[in-house]
Amino acid sequence: MAASGITSETLPPPRKPLQRKSDALELLRSETTAWLATGGADGAHLVPLLFHHNGEVLTFATFSDSRTVTNVAATGRARAAIGHHYDVVMIDGTMEIVAPDTIDPAIANPFAALLRGGPDPRRTPGFVYLQLTPSRLQAWRSFAELDERTLMQSGQWRV
């Protein structure tokens, strides 16, 4: 048995792409933490960050002097992974650095609510927002779903 309790015998049957799209959108709505990967001159960098998805972009916040921000400034690209190894959504896209005084309150307010009383990036010196605009989204739950894992390509849903 796998450490997670999930084995090939306990996985549900493969989902159709339309169901995987629906499940991916639900994960984006219900989850609050993603692994965010960026790359730069020093190589790959991977960190867990809170995020808010407004239906178009994923918004993160972090220290302006972090390696993540340095990498984003250099490349303008990132990858986010949400879920678990047996049910994952991977999102590649362009990433923009947004100053706290220019963030849309319709995004900043729900993001601040995720912090549960923690420091609001709009009022915490040294923080910036990062917004990931998806260009490719992949979702799979098992090996059986790998062939049709790409649900969005070039920013357009394929299903």
C-alpha atoms as a PDB file:
ATOM      1  CA  MET A   1       0.000   0.000   0.000  1.00  0.00           C
ATOM      2  CA  ALA A   2       1.210   3.502  -0.816  1.00  0.00           C
ATOM      3  CA  ALA A   3       1.929   5.907   2.040  1.00  0.00           C
ATOM      4  CA  SER A   4      -1.116   7.967   1.018  1.00  0.00           C
ATOM      5  CA  GLY A   5      -3.406   4.944   1.201  1.00  0.00           C
ATOM      6  CA  ILE A   6      -3.994   5.183  -2.549  1.00  0.00           C
ATOM      7  CA  THR A   7      -3.084   2.196  -4.684  1.00  0.00           C
ATOM      8  CA  SER A   8      -3.891   1.236  -8.259  1.00  0.00           C
ATOM      9  CA  GLU A   9      -6.659  -0.944  -6.828  1.00  0.00           C
ATOM     10  CA  THR A  10      -8.322   1.938  -4.953  1.00  0.00           C
ATOM     11  CA  LEU A  11      -8.189   4.557  -7.730  1.00  0.00           C
ATOM     12  CA  PRO A  12     -11.481   5.257  -9.440  1.00  0.00           C
ATOM     13  CA  PRO A  13     -11.675   4.553 -13.186  1.00  0.00           C
ATOM     14  CA  PRO A  14     -10.211   7.147 -15.597  1.00  0.00           C
ATOM     15  CA  ARG A  15     -12.335  10.257 -16.076  1.00  0.00           C
ATOM     16  CA  LYS A  16     -13.375  11.725 -19.389  1.00  0.00           C
ATOM     17  CA  PRO A  17     -11.651  15.050 -20.216  1.00  0.00           C
ATOM     18  CA  LEU A  18     -14.800  17.100 -19.554  1.00  0.00           C
ATOM     19  CA  GLN A  19     -15.093  15.608 -16.053  1.00  0.00           C
ATOM     20  CA  ARG A  20     -11.401  16.310 -15.444  1.00  0.00           C
ATOM     21  CA  LYS A  21     -11.947  19.939 -16.464  1.00  0.00           C
ATOM     22  CA  SER A  22     -14.833  20.204 -14.007  1.00  0.00           C
ATOM     23  CA  ASP A  23     -12.728  18.565 -11.268  1.00  0.00           C
ATOM     24  CA  ALA A  24      -9.771  20.873 -12.033  1.00  0.00           C
ATOM     25  CA  LEU A  25     -11.970  23.968 -11.761  1.00  0.00           C
ATOM     26  CA  GLU A  26     -13.350  22.685  -8.450  1.00  0.00           C
ATOM     27  CA  LEU A  27      -9.802  22.156  -7.170  1.00  0.00           C
ATOM     28  CA  LEU A  28      -8.907  25.733  -8.166  1.00  0.00           C
ATOM     29  CA  ARG A  29     -11.979  26.942  -6.281  1.00  0.00           C
ATOM     30  CA  SER A  30     -11.497  24.868  -3.143  1.00  0.00           C
ATOM     31  CA  GLU A  31      -7.715  24.607  -2.637  1.00  0.00           C
ATOM     32  CA  THR A  32      -5.662  27.453  -1.214  1.00  0.00           C
ATOM     33  CA  THR A  33      -2.061  26.225  -1.513  1.00  0.00           C
ATOM     34  CA  ALA A  34      -0.025  25.501  -4.627  1.00  0.00           C
ATOM     35  CA  TRP A  35       3.557  24.534  -5.282  1.00  0.00           C
ATOM     36  CA  LEU A  36       4.931  27.361  -7.426  1.00  0.00           C
ATOM     37  CA  ALA A  37       7.950  26.618  -9.613  1.00  0.00           C
ATOM     38  CA  THR A  38      10.084  29.270 -11.266  1.00  0.00           C
ATOM     39  CA  GLY A  39      13.440  29.110 -12.976  1.00  0.00           C
ATOM     40  CA  GLY A  40      16.320  31.489 -13.364  1.00  0.00           C
ATOM     41  CA  ALA A  41      20.072  31.720 -13.646  1.00  0.00           C
ATOM     42  CA  ASP A  42      20.459  29.757 -10.400  1.00  0.00           C
ATOM     43  CA  GLY A  43      18.223  26.933 -11.613  1.00  0.00           C
ATOM     44  CA  ALA A  44      14.777  25.777 -10.558  1.00  0.00           C
ATOM     45  CA  HIS A  45      13.048  27.094  -7.461  1.00  0.00           C
ATOM     46  CA  LEU A  46       9.968  25.514  -5.870  1.00  0.00           C
ATOM     47  CA  VAL A  47       7.922  26.927  -2.970  1.00  0.00           C
ATOM     48  CA  PRO A  48       4.470  26.353  -1.476  1.00  0.00           C
ATOM     49  CA  LEU A  49       2.367  29.526  -1.532  1.00  0.00           C
ATOM     50  CA  LEU A  50      -1.219  30.446  -0.804  1.00  0.00           C
ATOM     51  CA  PHE A  51      -3.222  31.386  -3.875  1.00  0.00           C
ATOM     52  CA  HIS A  52      -6.588  32.769  -4.888  1.00  0.00           C
ATOM     53  CA  HIS A  53      -8.166  31.913  -8.248  1.00  0.00           C
ATOM     54  CA  ASN A  54     -10.721  34.389  -9.582  1.00  0.00           C
ATOM     55  CA  GLY A  55     -11.630  32.333 -12.656  1.00  0.00           C
ATOM     56  CA  GLU A  56      -8.944  33.932 -14.813  1.00  0.00           C
ATOM     57  CA  VAL A  57      -5.673  34.258 -12.899  1.00  0.00           C
ATOM     58  CA  LEU A  58      -4.054  32.677  -9.871  1.00  0.00           C
ATOM     59  CA  THR A  59      -2.827  35.305  -7.429  1.00  0.00           C
ATOM     60  CA  PHE A  60       0.014  34.693  -4.984  1.00  0.00           C
ATOM     61  CA  ALA A  61       1.938  37.013  -2.645  1.00  0.00           C
ATOM     62  CA  THR A  62       5.515  36.807  -1.425  1.00  0.00           C
ATOM     63  CA  PHE A  63       8.502  38.901  -0.427  1.00  0.00           C
ATOM     64  CA  SER A  64       9.671  41.251  -3.173  1.00  0.00           C
ATOM     65  CA  ASP A  65      13.306  40.214  -2.636  1.00  0.00           C
ATOM     66  CA  SER A  66      12.588  36.473  -2.859  1.00  0.00           C
ATOM     67  CA  ARG A  67      14.164  34.167  -5.408  1.00  0.00           C
ATOM     68  CA  THR A  68      10.672  33.525  -6.771  1.00  0.00           C
ATOM     69  CA  VAL A  69      10.207  37.218  -7.621  1.00  0.00           C
ATOM     70  CA  THR A  70      13.739  37.446  -9.052  1.00  0.00           C
ATOM     71  CA  ASN A  71      12.996  34.484 -11.330  1.00  0.00           C
ATOM     72  CA  VAL A  72       9.626  35.879 -12.407  1.00  0.00           C
ATOM     73  CA  ALA A  73      11.200  39.255 -13.190  1.00  0.00           C
ATOM     74  CA  ALA A  74      13.766  37.491 -15.391  1.00  0.00           C
ATOM     75  CA  THR A  75      11.498  35.053 -17.225  1.00  0.00           C
ATOM     76  CA  GLY A  76       7.868  36.077 -16.766  1.00  0.00           C
ATOM     77  CA  ARG A  77       6.943  32.388 -16.500  1.00  0.00           C
ATOM     78  CA  ALA A  78       5.943  29.928 -13.792  1.00  0.00           C
ATOM     79  CA  ARG A  79       4.294  26.572 -13.142  1.00  0.00           C
ATOM     80  CA  ALA A  80       1.858  25.825 -10.355  1.00  0.00           C
ATOM     81  CA  ALA A  81       0.970  22.356  -9.081  1.00  0.00           C
ATOM     82  CA  ILE A  82      -2.192  21.884  -7.054  1.00  0.00           C
ATOM     83  CA  GLY A  83      -3.506  18.711  -5.488  1.00  0.00           C
ATOM     84  CA  HIS A  84      -1.784  15.448  -4.711  1.00  0.00           C
ATOM     85  CA  HIS A  85       0.486  13.158  -6.673  1.00  0.00           C
ATOM     86  CA  TYR A  86      -2.499  10.918  -7.424  1.00  0.00           C
ATOM     87  CA  ASP A  87      -4.802  13.792  -8.428  1.00  0.00           C
ATOM     88  CA  VAL A  88      -2.901  16.804  -9.709  1.00  0.00           C
ATOM     89  CA  VAL A  89      -3.525  19.955 -11.706  1.00  0.00           C
ATOM     90  CA  MET A  90      -0.445  21.520 -13.326  1.00  0.00           C
ATOM     91  CA  ILE A  91      -0.693  25.046 -14.706  1.00  0.00           C
ATOM     92  CA  ASP A  92       1.946  26.707 -16.878  1.00  0.00           C
ATOM     93  CA  GLY A  93       1.681  30.340 -17.803  1.00  0.00           C
ATOM     94  CA  THR A  94       2.911  33.864 -17.819  1.00  0.00           C
ATOM     95  CA  MET A  95       3.432  35.560 -14.499  1.00  0.00           C
ATOM     96  CA  GLU A  96       3.269  39.238 -13.683  1.00  0.00           C
ATOM     97  CA  ILE A  97       4.520  41.075 -10.599  1.00  0.00           C
ATOM     98  CA  VAL A  98       1.812  43.391  -9.227  1.00  0.00           C
ATOM     99  CA  ALA A  99       2.467  46.146  -6.702  1.00  0.00           C
ATOM    100  CA  PRO A 100       0.195  46.012  -3.641  1.00  0.00           C
ATOM    101  CA  ASP A 101      -1.125  49.526  -4.267  1.00  0.00           C
ATOM    102  CA  THR A 102      -2.339  48.543  -7.756  1.00  0.00           C
ATOM    103  CA  ILE A 103      -4.004  45.191  -7.001  1.00  0.00           C
ATOM    104  CA  ASP A 104      -7.713  44.942  -7.726  1.00  0.00           C
ATOM    105  CA  PRO A 105      -9.611  44.814  -4.391  1.00  0.00           C
ATOM    106  CA  ALA A 106     -11.827  42.073  -5.879  1.00  0.00           C
ATOM    107  CA  ILE A 107      -8.685  39.904  -5.865  1.00  0.00           C
ATOM    108  CA  ALA A 108      -6.857  41.295  -2.829  1.00  0.00           C
ATOM    109  CA  ASN A 109      -9.788  40.980  -0.416  1.00  0.00           C
ATOM    110  CA  PRO A 110     -10.388  37.231  -0.907  1.00  0.00           C
ATOM    111  CA  PHE A 111      -6.625  36.663  -0.881  1.00  0.00           C
ATOM    112  CA  ALA A 112      -6.341  38.482   2.465  1.00  0.00           C
ATOM    113  CA  ALA A 113      -9.133  36.285   3.829  1.00  0.00           C
ATOM    114  CA  LEU A 114      -6.939  33.221   3.146  1.00  0.00           C
ATOM    115  CA  LEU A 115      -4.363  34.596   5.584  1.00  0.00           C
ATOM    116  CA  ARG A 116      -6.764  34.293   8.528  1.00  0.00           C
ATOM    117  CA  GLY A 117      -5.491  37.351  10.337  1.00  0.00           C
ATOM    118  CA  GLY A 118      -1.938  37.079   8.980  1.00  0.00           C
ATOM    119  CA  PRO A 119      -0.148  39.988   7.345  1.00  0.00           C
ATOM    120  CA  ASP A 120      -2.153  41.505   4.482  1.00  0.00           C
ATOM    121  CA  PRO A 121       0.293  42.044   1.580  1.00  0.00           C
ATOM    122  CA  ARG A 122      -1.322  45.424   0.885  1.00  0.00           C
ATOM    123  CA  ARG A 123      -0.211  46.632   4.315  1.00  0.00           C
ATOM    124  CA  THR A 124       3.006  44.671   4.780  1.00  0.00           C
ATOM    125  CA  PRO A 125       6.196  46.343   3.555  1.00  0.00           C
ATOM    126  CA  GLY A 126       8.286  44.207   1.242  1.00  0.00           C
ATOM    127  CA  PHE A 127       5.461  42.113  -0.243  1.00  0.00           C
ATOM    128  CA  VAL A 128       4.290  41.943  -3.865  1.00  0.00           C
ATOM    129  CA  TYR A 129       1.589  39.998  -5.626  1.00  0.00           C
ATOM    130  CA  LEU A 130       2.263  37.542  -8.435  1.00  0.00           C
ATOM    131  CA  GLN A 131      -0.435  36.754 -10.964  1.00  0.00           C
ATOM    132  CA  LEU A 132      -0.249  33.615 -13.086  1.00  0.00           C
ATOM    133  CA  THR A 133      -2.267  33.634 -16.310  1.00  0.00           C
ATOM    134  CA  PRO A 134      -2.691  30.031 -17.457  1.00  0.00           C
ATOM    135  CA  SER A 135      -1.566  29.072 -20.934  1.00  0.00           C
ATOM    136  CA  ARG A 136      -1.556  25.294 -20.375  1.00  0.00           C
ATOM    137  CA  LEU A 137      -3.464  23.246 -17.816  1.00  0.00           C
ATOM    138  CA  GLN A 138      -2.966  19.541 -17.312  1.00  0.00           C
ATOM    139  CA  ALA A 139      -4.928  17.298 -14.970  1.00  0.00           C
ATOM    140  CA  TRP A 140      -4.591  13.617 -14.233  1.00  0.00           C
ATOM    141  CA  ARG A 141      -5.410  11.218 -11.467  1.00  0.00           C
ATOM    142  CA  SER A 142      -3.604   8.118 -12.621  1.00  0.00           C
ATOM    143  CA  PHE A 143      -1.417   6.679 -15.327  1.00  0.00           C
ATOM    144  CA  ALA A 144      -4.580   5.856 -17.268  1.00  0.00           C
ATOM    145  CA  GLU A 145      -5.322   9.594 -17.680  1.00  0.00           C
ATOM    146  CA  LEU A 146      -1.887  10.667 -18.930  1.00  0.00           C
ATOM    147  CA  ASP A 147      -2.711  10.482 -22.656  1.00  0.00           C
ATOM    148  CA  GLU A 148      -5.450  13.125 -22.402  1.00  0.00           C
ATOM    149  CA  ARG A 149      -3.984  15.190 -19.536  1.00  0.00           C
ATOM    150  CA  THR A 150      -3.702  18.496 -21.441  1.00  0.00           C
ATOM    151  CA  LEU A 151      -7.055  20.227 -21.022  1.00  0.00           C
ATOM    152  CA  MET A 152      -5.930  23.786 -21.901  1.00  0.00           C
ATOM    153  CA  GLN A 153      -3.372  24.769 -24.518  1.00  0.00           C
ATOM    154  CA  SER A 154      -2.325  28.303 -25.564  1.00  0.00           C
ATOM    155  CA  GLY A 155      -4.806  29.678 -23.034  1.00  0.00           C
ATOM    156  CA  GLN A 156      -7.792  27.927 -24.679  1.00  0.00           C
ATOM    157  CA  TRP A 157      -9.737  25.017 -23.240  1.00  0.00           C
ATOM    158  CA  ARG A 158      -9.503  21.939 -25.447  1.00  0.00           C
ATOM    159  CA  VAL A 159     -12.611  20.396 -23.879  1.00  0.00           C
END
